[in-house]
Protein backbone atom coordinates (compact mmCIF):
# COMPACT_ATOMS: atom_id res chain seq x y z
CA MET A 1 126.91 96.17 121.68
CA LYS A 2 124.46 93.37 122.49
CA ARG A 3 121.94 95.90 123.75
CA SER A 4 122.18 97.89 120.50
CA LEU A 5 121.76 94.76 118.43
CA LEU A 6 118.73 93.70 120.46
CA LEU A 7 117.19 97.16 120.06
CA CYS A 8 117.71 96.99 116.28
CA VAL A 9 116.04 93.58 116.11
CA VAL A 10 113.05 94.75 118.15
CA LEU A 11 112.64 97.94 116.11
CA SER A 12 112.94 96.02 112.85
CA ALA A 13 110.26 93.56 113.95
CA PHE A 14 107.97 96.45 114.89
CA ALA A 15 108.54 98.17 111.56
CA PHE A 16 107.85 94.93 109.69
CA ALA A 17 104.63 94.30 111.63
CA SER A 18 103.29 97.81 111.18
CA GLY A 19 104.28 97.75 107.51
CA GLY A 20 102.16 94.63 107.10
CA ALA A 21 99.20 96.41 108.66
CA MET A 22 99.69 99.32 106.30
CA ALA A 23 99.82 96.93 103.36
CA GLN A 24 96.52 95.39 104.47
CA ALA A 25 94.91 98.81 104.82
CA ASP A 26 96.09 99.61 101.30
CA LEU A 27 94.64 96.31 100.05
CA ALA A 28 91.33 97.08 101.79
CA LYS A 29 91.25 100.47 100.06
CA ALA A 30 92.18 98.97 96.68
CA LYS A 31 89.41 96.36 96.94
CA ASN A 32 86.80 98.98 97.97
CA CYS A 33 86.31 97.56 101.47
CA MET A 34 86.73 101.05 102.92
CA ALA A 35 83.68 102.27 100.98
CA CYS A 36 81.53 100.51 103.60
CA HIS A 37 83.86 99.83 106.55
CA THR A 38 86.29 101.71 108.79
CA SER A 39 88.59 100.45 111.49
CA ALA A 40 86.89 102.12 114.43
CA THR A 41 83.35 103.23 113.61
CA LYS A 42 80.30 101.82 111.82
CA LEU A 43 79.82 103.22 108.34
CA VAL A 44 77.51 101.21 106.06
CA GLY A 45 78.90 97.99 107.51
CA PRO A 46 80.39 97.29 110.92
CA ALA A 47 83.72 98.66 112.10
CA TYR A 48 86.59 96.21 111.84
CA LYS A 49 87.13 96.41 115.61
CA ASP A 50 83.51 95.32 116.13
CA VAL A 51 83.96 92.37 113.76
CA ALA A 52 87.13 91.37 115.59
CA GLU A 53 85.35 91.60 118.93
CA LYS A 54 82.32 89.61 117.77
CA TYR A 55 84.38 86.75 116.33
CA ALA A 56 87.22 86.72 118.89
CA GLY A 57 88.08 83.17 119.86
CA GLN A 58 85.40 81.57 117.68
CA LYS A 59 86.49 78.37 116.00
CA GLY A 60 86.14 78.62 112.23
CA ALA A 61 85.61 82.40 112.25
CA GLU A 62 88.38 83.05 109.75
CA ASP A 63 86.98 80.59 107.18
CA LYS A 64 83.43 81.86 107.73
CA LEU A 65 84.46 85.48 107.19
CA VAL A 66 86.57 84.65 104.13
CA GLN A 67 83.46 83.15 102.54
CA LYS A 68 81.40 86.18 103.56
CA VAL A 69 83.94 88.50 101.89
CA LEU A 70 83.90 86.41 98.72
CA LYS A 71 80.18 85.55 98.48
CA GLY A 72 78.53 88.30 100.52
CA GLY A 73 75.92 87.82 103.19
CA SER A 74 73.12 89.44 105.15
CA GLY A 75 71.44 89.59 108.52
CA THR A 76 74.46 89.43 110.79
CA TRP A 77 74.90 93.19 111.21
CA GLY A 78 71.49 94.49 110.24
CA PRO A 79 69.32 94.80 107.16
CA ILE A 80 71.94 96.05 104.70
CA PRO A 81 73.52 93.06 102.90
CA MET A 82 77.20 92.77 102.18
CA PRO A 83 77.65 92.21 98.45
CA ALA A 84 79.85 89.51 96.97
CA ASN A 85 83.35 90.68 96.09
CA PRO A 86 84.46 88.89 92.90
CA GLN A 87 87.41 91.32 92.57
CA VAL A 88 88.95 89.78 95.73
CA SER A 89 90.88 86.51 95.44
CA GLU A 90 90.58 83.91 98.19
CA ALA A 91 94.18 84.63 99.26
CA GLU A 92 93.42 88.35 99.47
CA ALA A 93 90.22 87.68 101.40
CA ARG A 94 92.08 85.49 103.89
CA SER A 95 94.77 88.12 104.33
CA LEU A 96 92.16 90.85 104.88
CA VAL A 97 90.17 88.72 107.33
CA LYS A 98 93.29 87.96 109.38
CA TRP A 99 93.99 91.70 109.51
CA VAL A 100 90.41 92.52 110.52
CA LEU A 101 90.39 89.84 113.23
CA ALA A 102 93.61 91.30 114.65
CA THR A 103 92.06 94.79 114.90
CA LYS A 104 91.70 96.03 118.45
């Protein structure tokens, strides 16, 4: 009985975590992030896994990337600038950045 209960708790936690990732992917699609980015390969902008790798362990990376999502930027990943995203709220940007930084 205890083993079954533990298995249910573990599976529920996994389902919740992967559901959150799916929700973030849906948000990224809804906010047009996927027009320039993918999870694994460079498109117009860098792959999310490359962003996560570049900023892994850097203090202040989350705040820096939230501002880059909101205001845009250039020069970090090449000559093509990232435009500002006024359709993205700060809360949405923070949520998306956390998801990107967790990409492996």
